[in-house]
N, C-alpha and C. Protein backbone atom coordinates (compact mmCIF):
# COMPACT_ATOMS: atom_id res chain seq x y z
N UNK A 1 -16.90 -5.19 3.51
CA UNK A 1 -15.78 -5.79 2.81
C UNK A 1 -14.51 -5.09 3.29
N UNK A 2 -13.57 -5.84 3.82
CA UNK A 2 -12.29 -5.28 4.23
C UNK A 2 -11.24 -5.51 3.16
N UNK A 3 -10.31 -4.60 3.08
CA UNK A 3 -9.21 -4.72 2.12
C UNK A 3 -7.96 -4.21 2.80
N UNK A 4 -6.98 -5.08 2.98
CA UNK A 4 -5.74 -4.71 3.64
C UNK A 4 -4.56 -5.08 2.75
N UNK A 5 -3.62 -4.17 2.67
CA UNK A 5 -2.38 -4.39 1.93
C UNK A 5 -1.24 -4.06 2.86
N UNK A 6 -0.18 -4.84 2.81
CA UNK A 6 1.02 -4.55 3.59
C UNK A 6 2.10 -4.05 2.66
N UNK A 7 2.67 -2.90 2.99
CA UNK A 7 3.75 -2.33 2.20
C UNK A 7 5.07 -2.52 2.92
N UNK A 8 6.07 -2.97 2.21
CA UNK A 8 7.43 -3.05 2.73
C UNK A 8 8.06 -1.68 2.54
N UNK A 9 8.58 -1.11 3.62
CA UNK A 9 9.24 0.19 3.52
C UNK A 9 10.59 -0.01 2.84
N UNK A 10 10.74 0.64 1.73
CA UNK A 10 11.95 0.53 0.91
C UNK A 10 12.78 1.81 1.03
N UNK A 11 13.99 1.73 0.54
CA UNK A 11 14.91 2.86 0.57
C UNK A 11 14.28 4.09 -0.06
N UNK A 12 13.53 3.92 -1.14
CA UNK A 12 12.91 5.04 -1.86
C UNK A 12 11.91 5.81 -1.00
N UNK A 13 11.38 5.20 0.04
CA UNK A 13 10.40 5.85 0.91
C UNK A 13 11.04 6.69 2.01
N UNK A 14 12.34 6.51 2.24
CA UNK A 14 12.99 7.03 3.44
C UNK A 14 13.84 8.27 3.20
N UNK A 15 14.00 9.01 4.29
CA UNK A 15 14.93 10.14 4.30
C UNK A 15 16.30 9.61 4.76
N UNK A 16 17.32 10.46 4.87
CA UNK A 16 18.65 9.97 5.25
C UNK A 16 18.72 9.29 6.62
N UNK A 17 17.72 9.54 7.48
CA UNK A 17 17.69 8.88 8.80
C UNK A 17 17.01 7.51 8.74
N UNK A 18 16.68 7.05 7.53
CA UNK A 18 16.02 5.76 7.29
C UNK A 18 14.62 5.70 7.88
N UNK A 19 13.96 6.86 7.97
CA UNK A 19 12.58 6.98 8.43
C UNK A 19 11.74 7.39 7.23
N UNK A 20 10.53 6.85 7.12
CA UNK A 20 9.66 7.20 5.99
C UNK A 20 9.41 8.71 5.97
N UNK A 21 9.69 9.32 4.84
CA UNK A 21 9.38 10.73 4.61
C UNK A 21 7.88 10.81 4.47
N UNK A 22 7.21 11.60 5.33
CA UNK A 22 5.76 11.52 5.48
C UNK A 22 4.94 11.60 4.20
N UNK A 23 5.30 12.41 3.17
CA UNK A 23 4.46 12.38 1.96
C UNK A 23 4.42 11.00 1.28
N UNK A 24 5.42 10.17 1.53
CA UNK A 24 5.44 8.84 0.93
C UNK A 24 4.28 7.97 1.42
N UNK A 25 3.79 8.23 2.65
CA UNK A 25 2.62 7.48 3.13
C UNK A 25 1.42 7.70 2.21
N UNK A 26 1.26 8.93 1.73
CA UNK A 26 0.13 9.23 0.86
C UNK A 26 0.27 8.53 -0.50
N UNK A 27 1.50 8.36 -0.95
CA UNK A 27 1.72 7.56 -2.17
C UNK A 27 1.34 6.11 -1.92
N UNK A 28 1.70 5.59 -0.74
CA UNK A 28 1.35 4.20 -0.39
C UNK A 28 -0.17 4.05 -0.29
N UNK A 29 -0.83 5.05 0.31
CA UNK A 29 -2.30 5.01 0.42
C UNK A 29 -2.94 5.00 -0.96
N UNK A 30 -2.44 5.83 -1.86
CA UNK A 30 -2.98 5.84 -3.22
C UNK A 30 -2.78 4.49 -3.90
N UNK A 31 -1.66 3.85 -3.63
CA UNK A 31 -1.40 2.53 -4.18
C UNK A 31 -2.45 1.52 -3.69
N UNK A 32 -2.81 1.64 -2.41
CA UNK A 32 -3.84 0.75 -1.86
C UNK A 32 -5.17 0.97 -2.58
N UNK A 33 -5.53 2.23 -2.82
CA UNK A 33 -6.78 2.54 -3.53
C UNK A 33 -6.74 1.95 -4.94
N UNK A 34 -5.61 2.14 -5.64
CA UNK A 34 -5.49 1.58 -6.99
C UNK A 34 -5.61 0.06 -6.98
N UNK A 35 -4.93 -0.60 -6.04
CA UNK A 35 -5.00 -2.06 -5.94
C UNK A 35 -6.43 -2.52 -5.64
N UNK A 36 -7.12 -1.81 -4.75
CA UNK A 36 -8.50 -2.18 -4.42
C UNK A 36 -9.39 -2.17 -5.66
N UNK A 37 -9.31 -1.08 -6.41
CA UNK A 37 -10.17 -0.98 -7.60
C UNK A 37 -9.83 -2.04 -8.64
N UNK A 38 -8.55 -2.31 -8.83
CA UNK A 38 -8.18 -3.31 -9.82
C UNK A 38 -8.53 -4.73 -9.37
N UNK A 39 -8.21 -5.07 -8.12
CA UNK A 39 -8.37 -6.44 -7.64
C UNK A 39 -9.79 -6.79 -7.20
N UNK A 40 -10.54 -5.82 -6.68
CA UNK A 40 -11.85 -6.15 -6.13
C UNK A 40 -13.02 -5.55 -6.90
N UNK A 41 -12.79 -4.47 -7.60
CA UNK A 41 -13.86 -3.86 -8.37
C UNK A 41 -13.75 -4.28 -9.84
N UNK A 42 -12.53 -4.62 -10.26
CA UNK A 42 -12.33 -5.02 -11.64
C UNK A 42 -12.22 -3.84 -12.60
N UNK A 43 -11.82 -2.71 -12.07
CA UNK A 43 -11.72 -1.49 -12.86
C UNK A 43 -10.42 -0.79 -12.48
N UNK A 44 -9.39 -0.95 -13.28
CA UNK A 44 -8.08 -0.40 -12.95
C UNK A 44 -8.05 1.11 -13.13
N UNK A 45 -7.10 1.76 -12.45
CA UNK A 45 -6.93 3.20 -12.62
C UNK A 45 -6.53 3.52 -14.05
N UNK A 46 -5.75 2.67 -14.68
CA UNK A 46 -5.37 2.89 -16.07
C UNK A 46 -6.62 2.95 -16.94
N UNK A 47 -7.54 2.03 -16.70
CA UNK A 47 -8.79 2.00 -17.47
C UNK A 47 -9.65 3.23 -17.16
N UNK A 48 -9.64 3.65 -15.89
CA UNK A 48 -10.43 4.83 -15.50
C UNK A 48 -9.91 6.11 -16.14
N UNK A 49 -8.60 6.21 -16.29
CA UNK A 49 -8.00 7.48 -16.69
C UNK A 49 -7.65 7.58 -18.17
N UNK A 50 -7.86 6.53 -18.93
CA UNK A 50 -7.52 6.60 -20.36
C UNK A 50 -8.77 6.40 -21.19
N UNK A 51 -9.01 7.35 -22.03
CA UNK A 51 -10.12 7.24 -22.98
C UNK A 51 -11.48 7.15 -22.34
N UNK A 52 -12.41 7.79 -22.92
CA UNK A 52 -13.79 7.67 -22.46
C UNK A 52 -14.17 8.73 -21.45
N UNK A 53 -15.31 8.48 -20.83
CA UNK A 53 -15.90 9.47 -19.94
C UNK A 53 -15.58 9.25 -18.47
N UNK A 54 -14.81 8.24 -18.16
CA UNK A 54 -14.48 7.92 -16.77
C UNK A 54 -13.31 8.79 -16.31
N UNK A 55 -13.52 9.51 -15.23
CA UNK A 55 -12.53 10.46 -14.77
C UNK A 55 -11.80 10.04 -13.51
N UNK A 56 -11.95 8.84 -13.08
CA UNK A 56 -11.25 8.39 -11.88
C UNK A 56 -12.08 8.53 -10.63
N UNK A 57 -11.40 8.48 -9.50
CA UNK A 57 -12.04 8.54 -8.20
C UNK A 57 -11.47 9.74 -7.45
N UNK A 58 -12.30 10.73 -7.14
CA UNK A 58 -11.77 11.91 -6.45
C UNK A 58 -11.48 11.63 -4.98
N UNK A 59 -10.46 12.28 -4.47
CA UNK A 59 -10.19 12.26 -3.04
C UNK A 59 -10.68 13.59 -2.49
N UNK A 60 -11.69 13.54 -1.65
CA UNK A 60 -12.29 14.75 -1.12
C UNK A 60 -11.51 15.26 0.08
N UNK A 61 -11.08 14.35 0.93
CA UNK A 61 -10.35 14.74 2.13
C UNK A 61 -9.48 13.57 2.55
N UNK A 62 -8.30 13.88 3.04
CA UNK A 62 -7.41 12.83 3.53
C UNK A 62 -6.54 13.42 4.64
N UNK A 63 -6.34 12.63 5.68
CA UNK A 63 -5.48 13.06 6.77
C UNK A 63 -4.88 11.83 7.45
N UNK A 64 -3.81 12.06 8.17
CA UNK A 64 -3.14 10.96 8.88
C UNK A 64 -2.69 11.43 10.26
N UNK A 65 -2.72 10.51 11.19
CA UNK A 65 -2.10 10.72 12.49
C UNK A 65 -0.89 9.80 12.54
N UNK A 66 0.28 10.36 12.72
CA UNK A 66 1.50 9.58 12.75
C UNK A 66 1.81 9.19 14.18
N UNK A 67 1.61 7.92 14.49
CA UNK A 67 1.78 7.44 15.86
C UNK A 67 3.22 7.06 16.19
N UNK A 68 3.94 6.61 15.20
CA UNK A 68 5.34 6.21 15.37
C UNK A 68 5.99 6.20 13.99
N UNK A 69 7.28 6.42 13.93
CA UNK A 69 7.94 6.41 12.62
C UNK A 69 8.04 5.00 12.05
N UNK A 70 7.98 4.92 10.75
CA UNK A 70 8.23 3.66 10.05
C UNK A 70 9.64 3.75 9.50
N UNK A 71 10.35 2.64 9.57
CA UNK A 71 11.75 2.64 9.18
C UNK A 71 12.01 1.66 8.04
N UNK A 72 13.13 1.85 7.40
CA UNK A 72 13.56 0.99 6.31
C UNK A 72 13.44 -0.47 6.72
N UNK A 73 12.72 -1.27 5.92
CA UNK A 73 12.55 -2.69 6.19
C UNK A 73 11.29 -3.04 6.95
N UNK A 74 10.61 -2.04 7.53
CA UNK A 74 9.36 -2.31 8.23
C UNK A 74 8.27 -2.74 7.25
N UNK A 75 7.30 -3.48 7.76
CA UNK A 75 6.11 -3.84 6.99
C UNK A 75 4.94 -3.08 7.59
N UNK A 76 4.32 -2.23 6.76
CA UNK A 76 3.27 -1.33 7.24
C UNK A 76 1.93 -1.77 6.65
N UNK A 77 0.96 -2.12 7.51
CA UNK A 77 -0.37 -2.51 6.98
C UNK A 77 -1.20 -1.27 6.68
N UNK A 78 -1.95 -1.33 5.59
CA UNK A 78 -2.89 -0.26 5.20
C UNK A 78 -4.25 -0.88 5.03
């Protein structure tokens, strides 16, 4: 099962040079994970993290290779 989301690079993601500040990619990645669970698994992060015994989904390891900068207005597929 494939799951792809395209993020529009907004002003909030960028540094003064209008290039995505690299930690923002990890926020976008987390957004993709949240969307996947809500849209395809039927279990939202809100539901996972509020009340009960469900503690969410751990991230064991994460890394990125930055091949080229993303700029304000770009559409980035994840």
